Amino acid sequence: MTEVKAKTRSEREAEIKDKCGWVIVVMAALLAINTYLGNGNSSRILNDTIEANNTWAFYQAKSIKSTLAEMSLDDAMARRDVNKVAAHSKKIARYESDPATGEGKKELMAKARGLEADRAVAKQRSHWYTYAGSLLQIAIVLLTASILSVKNSLYRASIGVGSFALLLMSQAIWLWIPGV
């Protein structure tokens, strides 16, 4: 029978450093990607909010103009000015819907609601990016601790935490778990 010689601390340290080095690189790269995607998502939320607010403001301006045109139409009808009645009627119709320019109230409302829907999806993603980033940082700390303490249990724990972080990151990207 051959005896298995126990590894010295330096041999165990060299072995764990070799394993952890590459895993730290991978997790740091995943953290950088997660941060990049999360920041882009935050920018999207902000941009969609600003654009939706601008679109709703434009919608309100069109509503005011439409109301003023309706008042002018009423006045023209009272004076029986056929030309002004026709002109104001056209203007009111254009304020309601203008597919050619996309600047009718109907089109503006659809655009604003679309922006709000996009923003809502981006908000759903936001917390998943945050959780994934935090867990990737914890996994990197555990990997570093495993090198310093020469403990494989910390190495395995970091792999588990990193894997869970990757799962959360995939949820942020694809929202594959509905309603969460």
C-alpha atoms as a PDB file:
ATOM      1  CA  MET A   1       0.000   0.000   0.000  1.00  0.00           C
ATOM      2  CA  THR A   2       1.186   3.430  -0.856  1.00  0.00           C
ATOM      3  CA  GLU A   3       0.780   6.183   1.612  1.00  0.00           C
ATOM      4  CA  VAL A   4      -0.817   9.423   0.566  1.00  0.00           C
ATOM      5  CA  LYS A   5       1.334  12.209   1.806  1.00  0.00           C
ATOM      6  CA  ALA A   6      -0.571  15.205   3.176  1.00  0.00           C
ATOM      7  CA  LYS A   7       0.090  18.388   1.256  1.00  0.00           C
ATOM      8  CA  THR A   8       1.957  21.143   2.948  1.00  0.00           C
ATOM      9  CA  ARG A   9       0.338  24.531   3.490  1.00  0.00           C
ATOM     10  CA  SER A  10       2.469  26.020   0.681  1.00  0.00           C
ATOM     11  CA  GLU A  11       1.377  23.280  -1.741  1.00  0.00           C
ATOM     12  CA  ARG A  12      -2.281  23.799  -0.783  1.00  0.00           C
ATOM     13  CA  GLU A  13      -1.798  27.563  -1.074  1.00  0.00           C
ATOM     14  CA  ALA A  14      -0.272  27.270  -4.547  1.00  0.00           C
ATOM     15  CA  GLU A  15      -3.074  24.957  -5.641  1.00  0.00           C
ATOM     16  CA  ILE A  16      -5.860  27.225  -4.388  1.00  0.00           C
ATOM     17  CA  LYS A  17      -4.176  30.351  -5.808  1.00  0.00           C
ATOM     18  CA  ASP A  18      -4.066  28.693  -9.208  1.00  0.00           C
ATOM     19  CA  LYS A  19      -7.783  27.798  -9.072  1.00  0.00           C
ATOM     20  CA  CYS A  20      -8.929  31.104  -7.616  1.00  0.00           C
ATOM     21  CA  GLY A  21      -6.925  33.344  -9.914  1.00  0.00           C
ATOM     22  CA  TRP A  22      -8.864  32.376 -13.015  1.00  0.00           C
ATOM     23  CA  VAL A  23     -12.201  32.364 -11.239  1.00  0.00           C
ATOM     24  CA  ILE A  24     -11.546  35.884  -9.880  1.00  0.00           C
ATOM     25  CA  VAL A  25     -10.803  37.047 -13.426  1.00  0.00           C
ATOM     26  CA  VAL A  26     -14.061  35.533 -14.719  1.00  0.00           C
ATOM     27  CA  MET A  27     -16.140  36.944 -11.863  1.00  0.00           C
ATOM     28  CA  ALA A  28     -14.546  40.385 -12.186  1.00  0.00           C
ATOM     29  CA  ALA A  29     -15.337  40.341 -15.910  1.00  0.00           C
ATOM     30  CA  LEU A  30     -18.939  39.326 -15.153  1.00  0.00           C
ATOM     31  CA  LEU A  31     -19.129  42.117 -12.573  1.00  0.00           C
ATOM     32  CA  ALA A  32     -17.889  44.632 -15.153  1.00  0.00           C
ATOM     33  CA  ILE A  33     -20.436  43.393 -17.723  1.00  0.00           C
ATOM     34  CA  ASN A  34     -23.224  43.478 -15.121  1.00  0.00           C
ATOM     35  CA  THR A  35     -22.259  47.030 -14.128  1.00  0.00           C
ATOM     36  CA  TYR A  36     -22.184  48.133 -17.766  1.00  0.00           C
ATOM     37  CA  LEU A  37     -25.613  46.622 -18.471  1.00  0.00           C
ATOM     38  CA  GLY A  38     -27.046  47.951 -15.208  1.00  0.00           C
ATOM     39  CA  ASN A  39     -25.810  51.474 -15.933  1.00  0.00           C
ATOM     40  CA  GLY A  40     -27.271  51.304 -19.445  1.00  0.00           C
ATOM     41  CA  ASN A  41     -30.551  50.154 -17.934  1.00  0.00           C
ATOM     42  CA  SER A  42     -30.522  53.076 -15.472  1.00  0.00           C
ATOM     43  CA  SER A  43     -29.887  55.476 -18.355  1.00  0.00           C
ATOM     44  CA  ARG A  44     -32.799  53.972 -20.230  1.00  0.00           C
ATOM     45  CA  ILE A  45     -35.105  54.511 -17.248  1.00  0.00           C
ATOM     46  CA  LEU A  46     -34.022  58.148 -17.013  1.00  0.00           C
ATOM     47  CA  ASN A  47     -34.217  58.794 -20.768  1.00  0.00           C
ATOM     48  CA  ASP A  48     -37.635  57.136 -21.080  1.00  0.00           C
ATOM     49  CA  THR A  49     -38.911  59.171 -18.125  1.00  0.00           C
ATOM     50  CA  ILE A  50     -37.690  62.440 -19.634  1.00  0.00           C
ATOM     51  CA  GLU A  51     -39.003  61.576 -23.101  1.00  0.00           C
ATOM     52  CA  ALA A  52     -42.391  60.455 -21.723  1.00  0.00           C
ATOM     53  CA  ASN A  53     -42.673  63.679 -19.709  1.00  0.00           C
ATOM     54  CA  ASN A  54     -41.811  65.738 -22.793  1.00  0.00           C
ATOM     55  CA  THR A  55     -44.346  63.821 -24.872  1.00  0.00           C
ATOM     56  CA  TRP A  56     -47.070  64.301 -22.261  1.00  0.00           C
ATOM     57  CA  ALA A  57     -46.228  68.028 -22.114  1.00  0.00           C
ATOM     58  CA  PHE A  58     -46.572  68.190 -25.909  1.00  0.00           C
ATOM     59  CA  TYR A  59     -49.879  66.308 -25.605  1.00  0.00           C
ATOM     60  CA  GLN A  60     -51.095  68.876 -23.065  1.00  0.00           C
ATOM     61  CA  ALA A  61     -50.087  71.730 -25.377  1.00  0.00           C
ATOM     62  CA  LYS A  62     -52.053  70.083 -28.197  1.00  0.00           C
ATOM     63  CA  SER A  63     -55.037  69.709 -25.841  1.00  0.00           C
ATOM     64  CA  ILE A  64     -54.903  73.414 -24.989  1.00  0.00           C
ATOM     65  CA  LYS A  65     -54.630  74.350 -28.665  1.00  0.00           C
ATOM     66  CA  SER A  66     -57.523  72.012 -29.445  1.00  0.00           C
ATOM     67  CA  THR A  67     -59.664  73.629 -26.750  1.00  0.00           C
ATOM     68  CA  LEU A  68     -58.845  77.096 -28.088  1.00  0.00           C
ATOM     69  CA  ALA A  69     -59.692  75.954 -31.620  1.00  0.00           C
ATOM     70  CA  GLU A  70     -62.990  74.535 -30.362  1.00  0.00           C
ATOM     71  CA  MET A  71     -63.794  77.890 -28.770  1.00  0.00           C
ATOM     72  CA  SER A  72     -62.948  79.635 -32.053  1.00  0.00           C
ATOM     73  CA  LEU A  73     -65.114  77.090 -33.902  1.00  0.00           C
ATOM     74  CA  ASP A  74     -68.038  77.856 -31.598  1.00  0.00           C
ATOM     75  CA  ASP A  75     -67.528  81.574 -32.252  1.00  0.00           C
ATOM     76  CA  ALA A  76     -67.313  81.035 -36.039  1.00  0.00           C
ATOM     77  CA  MET A  77     -70.471  78.895 -35.936  1.00  0.00           C
ATOM     78  CA  ALA A  78     -72.280  81.620 -34.009  1.00  0.00           C
ATOM     79  CA  ARG A  79     -71.229  84.130 -36.664  1.00  0.00           C
ATOM     80  CA  ARG A  80     -72.043  81.631 -39.433  1.00  0.00           C
ATOM     81  CA  ASP A  81     -68.593  82.084 -40.984  1.00  0.00           C
ATOM     82  CA  VAL A  82     -68.418  78.947 -43.160  1.00  0.00           C
ATOM     83  CA  ASN A  83     -64.749  79.379 -44.104  1.00  0.00           C
ATOM     84  CA  LYS A  84     -63.637  79.715 -40.473  1.00  0.00           C
ATOM     85  CA  VAL A  85     -65.850  76.806 -39.415  1.00  0.00           C
ATOM     86  CA  ALA A  86     -64.173  74.578 -42.020  1.00  0.00           C
ATOM     87  CA  ALA A  87     -60.674  75.806 -41.099  1.00  0.00           C
ATOM     88  CA  HIS A  88     -61.198  75.316 -37.356  1.00  0.00           C
ATOM     89  CA  SER A  89     -62.791  71.908 -37.905  1.00  0.00           C
ATOM     90  CA  LYS A  90     -59.746  70.786 -39.907  1.00  0.00           C
ATOM     91  CA  LYS A  91     -57.413  72.148 -37.254  1.00  0.00           C
ATOM     92  CA  ILE A  92     -59.295  70.365 -34.451  1.00  0.00           C
ATOM     93  CA  ALA A  93     -59.220  67.087 -36.404  1.00  0.00           C
ATOM     94  CA  ARG A  94     -55.467  67.508 -36.974  1.00  0.00           C
ATOM     95  CA  TYR A  95     -54.900  68.165 -33.258  1.00  0.00           C
ATOM     96  CA  GLU A  96     -56.758  64.945 -32.443  1.00  0.00           C
ATOM     97  CA  SER A  97     -54.856  62.777 -34.932  1.00  0.00           C
ATOM     98  CA  ASP A  98     -52.066  63.600 -37.354  1.00  0.00           C
ATOM     99  CA  PRO A  99     -50.509  60.366 -38.643  1.00  0.00           C
ATOM    100  CA  ALA A 100     -48.391  62.252 -41.179  1.00  0.00           C
ATOM    101  CA  THR A 101     -46.375  64.047 -38.498  1.00  0.00           C
ATOM    102  CA  GLY A 102     -47.116  61.777 -35.539  1.00  0.00           C
ATOM    103  CA  GLU A 103     -47.984  64.887 -33.558  1.00  0.00           C
ATOM    104  CA  GLY A 104     -51.709  64.446 -33.014  1.00  0.00           C
ATOM    105  CA  LYS A 105     -52.987  63.781 -29.497  1.00  0.00           C
ATOM    106  CA  LYS A 106     -53.779  60.178 -30.432  1.00  0.00           C
ATOM    107  CA  GLU A 107     -50.209  59.544 -31.671  1.00  0.00           C
ATOM    108  CA  LEU A 108     -48.615  61.430 -28.780  1.00  0.00           C
ATOM    109  CA  MET A 109     -50.598  59.425 -26.240  1.00  0.00           C
ATOM    110  CA  ALA A 110     -49.543  56.157 -27.863  1.00  0.00           C
ATOM    111  CA  LYS A 111     -45.891  57.278 -27.918  1.00  0.00           C
ATOM    112  CA  ALA A 112     -45.952  58.377 -24.253  1.00  0.00           C
ATOM    113  CA  ARG A 113     -47.600  55.143 -23.149  1.00  0.00           C
ATOM    114  CA  GLY A 114     -45.021  53.140 -25.127  1.00  0.00           C
ATOM    115  CA  LEU A 115     -42.194  55.020 -23.408  1.00  0.00           C
ATOM    116  CA  GLU A 116     -43.802  54.391 -20.032  1.00  0.00           C
ATOM    117  CA  ALA A 117     -44.094  50.679 -20.839  1.00  0.00           C
ATOM    118  CA  ASP A 118     -40.403  50.525 -21.855  1.00  0.00           C
ATOM    119  CA  ARG A 119     -39.482  52.320 -18.634  1.00  0.00           C
ATOM    120  CA  ALA A 120     -41.545  49.839 -16.584  1.00  0.00           C
ATOM    121  CA  VAL A 121     -39.649  46.906 -18.118  1.00  0.00           C
ATOM    122  CA  ALA A 122     -36.315  48.623 -17.434  1.00  0.00           C
ATOM    123  CA  LYS A 123     -37.392  49.180 -13.817  1.00  0.00           C
ATOM    124  CA  GLN A 124     -38.161  45.459 -13.509  1.00  0.00           C
ATOM    125  CA  ARG A 125     -34.607  44.691 -14.594  1.00  0.00           C
ATOM    126  CA  SER A 126     -32.954  47.255 -12.334  1.00  0.00           C
ATOM    127  CA  HIS A 127     -33.014  45.440  -9.004  1.00  0.00           C
ATOM    128  CA  TRP A 128     -31.817  42.193 -10.578  1.00  0.00           C
ATOM    129  CA  TYR A 129     -28.676  43.961 -11.837  1.00  0.00           C
ATOM    130  CA  THR A 130     -28.122  45.369  -8.344  1.00  0.00           C
ATOM    131  CA  TYR A 131     -28.494  41.983  -6.642  1.00  0.00           C
ATOM    132  CA  ALA A 132     -26.264  40.245  -9.191  1.00  0.00           C
ATOM    133  CA  GLY A 133     -23.547  42.895  -8.822  1.00  0.00           C
ATOM    134  CA  SER A 134     -23.594  42.637  -5.038  1.00  0.00           C
ATOM    135  CA  LEU A 135     -23.356  38.854  -5.127  1.00  0.00           C
ATOM    136  CA  LEU A 136     -20.487  38.933  -7.629  1.00  0.00           C
ATOM    137  CA  GLN A 137     -18.604  41.262  -5.279  1.00  0.00           C
ATOM    138  CA  ILE A 138     -19.269  38.895  -2.366  1.00  0.00           C
ATOM    139  CA  ALA A 139     -18.081  35.948  -4.476  1.00  0.00           C
ATOM    140  CA  ILE A 140     -14.825  37.783  -5.256  1.00  0.00           C
ATOM    141  CA  VAL A 141     -14.330  38.544  -1.553  1.00  0.00           C
ATOM    142  CA  LEU A 142     -14.905  34.867  -0.719  1.00  0.00           C
ATOM    143  CA  LEU A 143     -12.368  33.848  -3.359  1.00  0.00           C
ATOM    144  CA  THR A 144      -9.816  36.229  -1.876  1.00  0.00           C
ATOM    145  CA  ALA A 145     -10.572  34.903   1.606  1.00  0.00           C
ATOM    146  CA  SER A 146     -10.107  31.331   0.365  1.00  0.00           C
ATOM    147  CA  ILE A 147      -6.628  32.224  -0.894  1.00  0.00           C
ATOM    148  CA  LEU A 148      -5.666  33.892   2.368  1.00  0.00           C
ATOM    149  CA  SER A 149      -7.069  31.134   4.573  1.00  0.00           C
ATOM    150  CA  VAL A 150      -6.191  28.291   2.180  1.00  0.00           C
ATOM    151  CA  LYS A 151      -9.726  26.903   2.519  1.00  0.00           C
ATOM    152  CA  ASN A 152     -11.445  25.004  -0.268  1.00  0.00           C
ATOM    153  CA  SER A 153     -14.798  25.453   1.513  1.00  0.00           C
ATOM    154  CA  LEU A 154     -14.629  29.210   0.906  1.00  0.00           C
ATOM    155  CA  TYR A 155     -13.677  28.529  -2.708  1.00  0.00           C
ATOM    156  CA  ARG A 156     -16.747  26.297  -3.156  1.00  0.00           C
ATOM    157  CA  ALA A 157     -18.965  28.882  -1.407  1.00  0.00           C
ATOM    158  CA  SER A 158     -17.717  31.587  -3.783  1.00  0.00           C
ATOM    159  CA  ILE A 159     -18.534  29.381  -6.772  1.00  0.00           C
ATOM    160  CA  GLY A 160     -22.065  28.910  -5.407  1.00  0.00           C
ATOM    161  CA  VAL A 161     -22.557  32.626  -4.747  1.00  0.00           C
ATOM    162  CA  GLY A 162     -21.115  33.498  -8.176  1.00  0.00           C
ATOM    163  CA  SER A 163     -23.398  30.985  -9.881  1.00  0.00           C
ATOM    164  CA  PHE A 164     -26.420  32.453  -8.130  1.00  0.00           C
ATOM    165  CA  ALA A 165     -25.273  35.935  -9.181  1.00  0.00           C
ATOM    166  CA  LEU A 166     -25.080  34.736 -12.789  1.00  0.00           C
ATOM    167  CA  LEU A 167     -28.629  33.395 -12.479  1.00  0.00           C
ATOM    168  CA  LEU A 168     -29.834  36.797 -11.207  1.00  0.00           C
ATOM    169  CA  MET A 169     -27.941  38.561 -13.988  1.00  0.00           C
ATOM    170  CA  SER A 170     -29.677  36.353 -16.557  1.00  0.00           C
ATOM    171  CA  GLN A 171     -33.025  37.324 -14.991  1.00  0.00           C
ATOM    172  CA  ALA A 172     -32.083  40.991 -15.394  1.00  0.00           C
ATOM    173  CA  ILE A 173     -31.239  40.485 -19.062  1.00  0.00           C
ATOM    174  CA  TRP A 174     -34.085  38.205 -20.167  1.00  0.00           C
ATOM    175  CA  LEU A 175     -36.716  38.490 -17.404  1.00  0.00           C
ATOM    176  CA  TRP A 176     -37.315  34.779 -17.816  1.00  0.00           C
ATOM    177  CA  ILE A 177     -39.127  34.414 -14.464  1.00  0.00           C
ATOM    178  CA  PRO A 178     -42.443  36.150 -15.167  1.00  0.00           C
ATOM    179  CA  GLY A 179     -44.097  38.321 -12.558  1.00  0.00           C
ATOM    180  CA  VAL A 180     -41.109  38.544 -10.246  1.00  0.00           C
END
